[in-house]
């Protein structure tokens, strides 16, 4: 099976329980019927993610995640997932969630995009949220 890597771009942040998170992500990919290639998570600031949002997507808005699908084979997922730690912190407060719960939701959200789930329309967003909730309940991090 493929590899998951975590990178940090000029922010004072390090993941807790990285090995358990990797196992959870891999299990999610398998449960969705895919094989894992290379998956890179890059944790960064609002500013860094905004630059990418403008450069690659032409959006001038802050976001918590941008997922780049680099998959080439059928049934194989590969990609880069950029996550703004600033946005995750703000959203955790806004949605009355713990930072870890919101971070894990965003981490799995990126994977769900790579396996084919969308969130641009209300119905698709509802399905995405159901999947996020399902996989959040499957976490075994303690």
C-alpha atoms as a PDB file:
ATOM      1  CA  UNK A   1       0.000   0.000   0.000  1.00  0.00           C
ATOM      2  CA  UNK A   2       1.051   3.594  -0.572  1.00  0.00           C
ATOM      3  CA  UNK A   3       2.402   6.201   1.768  1.00  0.00           C
ATOM      4  CA  UNK A   4       1.019   9.155   3.677  1.00  0.00           C
ATOM      5  CA  UNK A   5       3.330  12.031   4.548  1.00  0.00           C
ATOM      6  CA  UNK A   6       2.736  15.050   6.761  1.00  0.00           C
ATOM      7  CA  UNK A   7       4.585  18.307   6.058  1.00  0.00           C
ATOM      8  CA  UNK A   8       4.573  21.613   7.913  1.00  0.00           C
ATOM      9  CA  UNK A   9       5.032  24.902   6.099  1.00  0.00           C
ATOM     10  CA  UNK A  10       6.346  27.658   8.380  1.00  0.00           C
ATOM     11  CA  UNK A  11       3.863  27.100  11.192  1.00  0.00           C
ATOM     12  CA  UNK A  12       4.391  26.137  14.833  1.00  0.00           C
ATOM     13  CA  UNK A  13       2.236  23.017  14.606  1.00  0.00           C
ATOM     14  CA  UNK A  14       2.842  19.276  14.731  1.00  0.00           C
ATOM     15  CA  UNK A  15       0.226  16.551  14.485  1.00  0.00           C
ATOM     16  CA  UNK A  16      -0.506  14.413  17.504  1.00  0.00           C
ATOM     17  CA  UNK A  17      -0.810  10.659  16.980  1.00  0.00           C
ATOM     18  CA  UNK A  18       0.447  10.788  13.395  1.00  0.00           C
ATOM     19  CA  UNK A  19       0.795   7.006  13.062  1.00  0.00           C
ATOM     20  CA  UNK A  20      -2.770   6.392  14.227  1.00  0.00           C
ATOM     21  CA  UNK A  21      -4.033   9.123  11.886  1.00  0.00           C
ATOM     22  CA  UNK A  22      -2.242   7.457   8.980  1.00  0.00           C
ATOM     23  CA  UNK A  23      -3.854   4.108   9.832  1.00  0.00           C
ATOM     24  CA  UNK A  24      -7.287   5.780   9.986  1.00  0.00           C
ATOM     25  CA  UNK A  25      -6.763   7.504   6.636  1.00  0.00           C
ATOM     26  CA  UNK A  26      -5.590   4.247   5.016  1.00  0.00           C
ATOM     27  CA  UNK A  27      -8.599   2.389   6.427  1.00  0.00           C
ATOM     28  CA  UNK A  28     -10.913   5.081   5.011  1.00  0.00           C
ATOM     29  CA  UNK A  29      -9.349   4.788   1.552  1.00  0.00           C
ATOM     30  CA  UNK A  30      -9.759   0.993   1.653  1.00  0.00           C
ATOM     31  CA  UNK A  31     -13.343   1.179   2.920  1.00  0.00           C
ATOM     32  CA  UNK A  32     -14.172   3.446  -0.028  1.00  0.00           C
ATOM     33  CA  UNK A  33     -12.799   0.772  -2.387  1.00  0.00           C
ATOM     34  CA  UNK A  34      -9.592   2.509  -3.426  1.00  0.00           C
ATOM     35  CA  UNK A  35      -5.888   1.818  -3.169  1.00  0.00           C
ATOM     36  CA  UNK A  36      -3.559   4.410  -1.734  1.00  0.00           C
ATOM     37  CA  UNK A  37      -0.662   5.747  -3.741  1.00  0.00           C
ATOM     38  CA  UNK A  38       1.188   8.775  -2.395  1.00  0.00           C
ATOM     39  CA  UNK A  39      -0.779  11.184  -0.227  1.00  0.00           C
ATOM     40  CA  UNK A  40       0.864  14.348   1.074  1.00  0.00           C
ATOM     41  CA  UNK A  41      -0.707  16.586   3.685  1.00  0.00           C
ATOM     42  CA  UNK A  42       0.770  20.066   3.943  1.00  0.00           C
ATOM     43  CA  UNK A  43      -0.241  22.021   7.037  1.00  0.00           C
ATOM     44  CA  UNK A  44       0.173  25.769   6.593  1.00  0.00           C
ATOM     45  CA  UNK A  45      -1.140  29.239   7.456  1.00  0.00           C
ATOM     46  CA  UNK A  46      -4.105  31.159   6.040  1.00  0.00           C
ATOM     47  CA  UNK A  47      -1.716  33.293   4.000  1.00  0.00           C
ATOM     48  CA  UNK A  48      -0.005  30.302   2.377  1.00  0.00           C
ATOM     49  CA  UNK A  49      -3.297  28.631   1.497  1.00  0.00           C
ATOM     50  CA  UNK A  50      -4.787  31.882   0.199  1.00  0.00           C
ATOM     51  CA  UNK A  51      -1.821  32.249  -2.172  1.00  0.00           C
ATOM     52  CA  UNK A  52      -2.491  28.756  -3.559  1.00  0.00           C
ATOM     53  CA  UNK A  53      -6.223  29.428  -3.747  1.00  0.00           C
ATOM     54  CA  UNK A  54      -5.587  32.520  -5.863  1.00  0.00           C
ATOM     55  CA  UNK A  55      -2.836  30.951  -7.973  1.00  0.00           C
ATOM     56  CA  UNK A  56      -4.456  27.607  -8.794  1.00  0.00           C
ATOM     57  CA  UNK A  57      -8.195  28.096  -8.312  1.00  0.00           C
ATOM     58  CA  UNK A  58      -8.545  31.858  -8.915  1.00  0.00           C
ATOM     59  CA  UNK A  59     -10.476  32.214  -5.630  1.00  0.00           C
ATOM     60  CA  UNK A  60      -9.649  35.203  -3.430  1.00  0.00           C
ATOM     61  CA  UNK A  61     -11.136  33.717  -0.288  1.00  0.00           C
ATOM     62  CA  UNK A  62      -9.792  32.024   2.798  1.00  0.00           C
ATOM     63  CA  UNK A  63     -10.432  28.298   2.974  1.00  0.00           C
ATOM     64  CA  UNK A  64      -9.541  25.484   5.337  1.00  0.00           C
ATOM     65  CA  UNK A  65      -8.498  22.968   2.670  1.00  0.00           C
ATOM     66  CA  UNK A  66      -7.459  22.630  -0.943  1.00  0.00           C
ATOM     67  CA  UNK A  67      -7.148  19.159  -2.431  1.00  0.00           C
ATOM     68  CA  UNK A  68      -5.109  18.490  -5.548  1.00  0.00           C
ATOM     69  CA  UNK A  69      -5.944  15.162  -7.187  1.00  0.00           C
ATOM     70  CA  UNK A  70      -2.790  13.688  -8.719  1.00  0.00           C
ATOM     71  CA  UNK A  71      -4.290  10.244  -9.350  1.00  0.00           C
ATOM     72  CA  UNK A  72      -3.432   8.606 -12.635  1.00  0.00           C
ATOM     73  CA  UNK A  73      -4.622   5.017 -12.280  1.00  0.00           C
ATOM     74  CA  UNK A  74      -8.145   3.648 -11.951  1.00  0.00           C
ATOM     75  CA  UNK A  75      -8.975   2.924  -8.318  1.00  0.00           C
ATOM     76  CA  UNK A  76      -5.761   4.496  -7.028  1.00  0.00           C
ATOM     77  CA  UNK A  77      -5.722   7.784  -5.146  1.00  0.00           C
ATOM     78  CA  UNK A  78      -2.795  10.151  -5.001  1.00  0.00           C
ATOM     79  CA  UNK A  79      -2.770  13.781  -4.106  1.00  0.00           C
ATOM     80  CA  UNK A  80      -1.703  16.774  -2.111  1.00  0.00           C
ATOM     81  CA  UNK A  81      -3.957  18.156   0.579  1.00  0.00           C
ATOM     82  CA  UNK A  82      -3.202  21.631   1.923  1.00  0.00           C
ATOM     83  CA  UNK A  83      -4.787  22.511   5.253  1.00  0.00           C
ATOM     84  CA  UNK A  84      -4.802  25.930   6.921  1.00  0.00           C
ATOM     85  CA  UNK A  85      -4.301  25.467  10.646  1.00  0.00           C
ATOM     86  CA  UNK A  86      -5.513  29.066  11.158  1.00  0.00           C
ATOM     87  CA  UNK A  87      -8.844  28.268   9.458  1.00  0.00           C
ATOM     88  CA  UNK A  88      -9.238  24.982  11.336  1.00  0.00           C
ATOM     89  CA  UNK A  89      -8.768  26.815  14.658  1.00  0.00           C
ATOM     90  CA  UNK A  90     -11.300  29.505  13.692  1.00  0.00           C
ATOM     91  CA  UNK A  91     -13.825  26.976  12.388  1.00  0.00           C
ATOM     92  CA  UNK A  92     -13.519  24.827  15.503  1.00  0.00           C
ATOM     93  CA  UNK A  93     -14.605  27.825  17.559  1.00  0.00           C
ATOM     94  CA  UNK A  94     -17.322  28.803  15.099  1.00  0.00           C
ATOM     95  CA  UNK A  95     -18.814  25.290  15.042  1.00  0.00           C
ATOM     96  CA  UNK A  96     -18.245  24.583  18.766  1.00  0.00           C
ATOM     97  CA  UNK A  97     -15.909  21.655  18.046  1.00  0.00           C
ATOM     98  CA  UNK A  98     -12.554  20.782  19.514  1.00  0.00           C
ATOM     99  CA  UNK A  99      -9.548  21.680  17.398  1.00  0.00           C
ATOM    100  CA  UNK A 100      -8.718  17.969  16.956  1.00  0.00           C
ATOM    101  CA  UNK A 101     -12.247  17.069  15.839  1.00  0.00           C
ATOM    102  CA  UNK A 102     -12.294  19.878  13.286  1.00  0.00           C
ATOM    103  CA  UNK A 103      -8.791  19.017  12.088  1.00  0.00           C
ATOM    104  CA  UNK A 104      -9.719  15.361  11.654  1.00  0.00           C
ATOM    105  CA  UNK A 105     -12.895  16.347   9.782  1.00  0.00           C
ATOM    106  CA  UNK A 106     -10.826  18.400   7.347  1.00  0.00           C
ATOM    107  CA  UNK A 107      -8.184  15.667   7.010  1.00  0.00           C
ATOM    108  CA  UNK A 108     -10.816  13.104   6.004  1.00  0.00           C
ATOM    109  CA  UNK A 109     -12.680  15.668   3.866  1.00  0.00           C
ATOM    110  CA  UNK A 110      -9.658  15.823   1.569  1.00  0.00           C
ATOM    111  CA  UNK A 111      -9.602  12.037   1.211  1.00  0.00           C
ATOM    112  CA  UNK A 112     -13.326  12.002   0.425  1.00  0.00           C
ATOM    113  CA  UNK A 113     -12.720  14.496  -2.386  1.00  0.00           C
ATOM    114  CA  UNK A 114     -10.023  12.223  -3.793  1.00  0.00           C
ATOM    115  CA  UNK A 115     -12.342   9.206  -3.834  1.00  0.00           C
ATOM    116  CA  UNK A 116     -14.987  11.177  -5.693  1.00  0.00           C
ATOM    117  CA  UNK A 117     -17.266  13.007  -3.275  1.00  0.00           C
ATOM    118  CA  UNK A 118     -18.146  16.611  -4.062  1.00  0.00           C
ATOM    119  CA  UNK A 119     -19.537  19.426  -1.954  1.00  0.00           C
ATOM    120  CA  UNK A 120     -20.456  22.249  -4.329  1.00  0.00           C
ATOM    121  CA  UNK A 121     -24.232  21.658  -4.217  1.00  0.00           C
ATOM    122  CA  UNK A 122     -26.391  21.308  -1.087  1.00  0.00           C
ATOM    123  CA  UNK A 123     -27.249  17.643  -1.730  1.00  0.00           C
ATOM    124  CA  UNK A 124     -23.600  16.733  -2.347  1.00  0.00           C
ATOM    125  CA  UNK A 125     -22.544  18.724   0.719  1.00  0.00           C
ATOM    126  CA  UNK A 126     -25.020  16.747   2.856  1.00  0.00           C
ATOM    127  CA  UNK A 127     -23.620  13.452   1.560  1.00  0.00           C
ATOM    128  CA  UNK A 128     -20.077  14.666   2.226  1.00  0.00           C
ATOM    129  CA  UNK A 129     -21.008  15.626   5.791  1.00  0.00           C
ATOM    130  CA  UNK A 130     -22.592  12.202   6.394  1.00  0.00           C
ATOM    131  CA  UNK A 131     -19.392  10.504   5.187  1.00  0.00           C
ATOM    132  CA  UNK A 132     -17.234  12.762   7.351  1.00  0.00           C
ATOM    133  CA  UNK A 133     -19.362  11.959  10.403  1.00  0.00           C
ATOM    134  CA  UNK A 134     -19.245   8.236   9.611  1.00  0.00           C
ATOM    135  CA  UNK A 135     -15.451   8.167   9.384  1.00  0.00           C
ATOM    136  CA  UNK A 136     -14.984  10.427  12.397  1.00  0.00           C
ATOM    137  CA  UNK A 137     -16.855   7.800  14.416  1.00  0.00           C
ATOM    138  CA  UNK A 138     -14.461   5.147  13.071  1.00  0.00           C
ATOM    139  CA  UNK A 139     -11.369   6.881  14.497  1.00  0.00           C
ATOM    140  CA  UNK A 140      -9.430   4.840  17.010  1.00  0.00           C
ATOM    141  CA  UNK A 141      -6.856   7.300  18.242  1.00  0.00           C
ATOM    142  CA  UNK A 142      -6.846   6.691  21.974  1.00  0.00           C
END
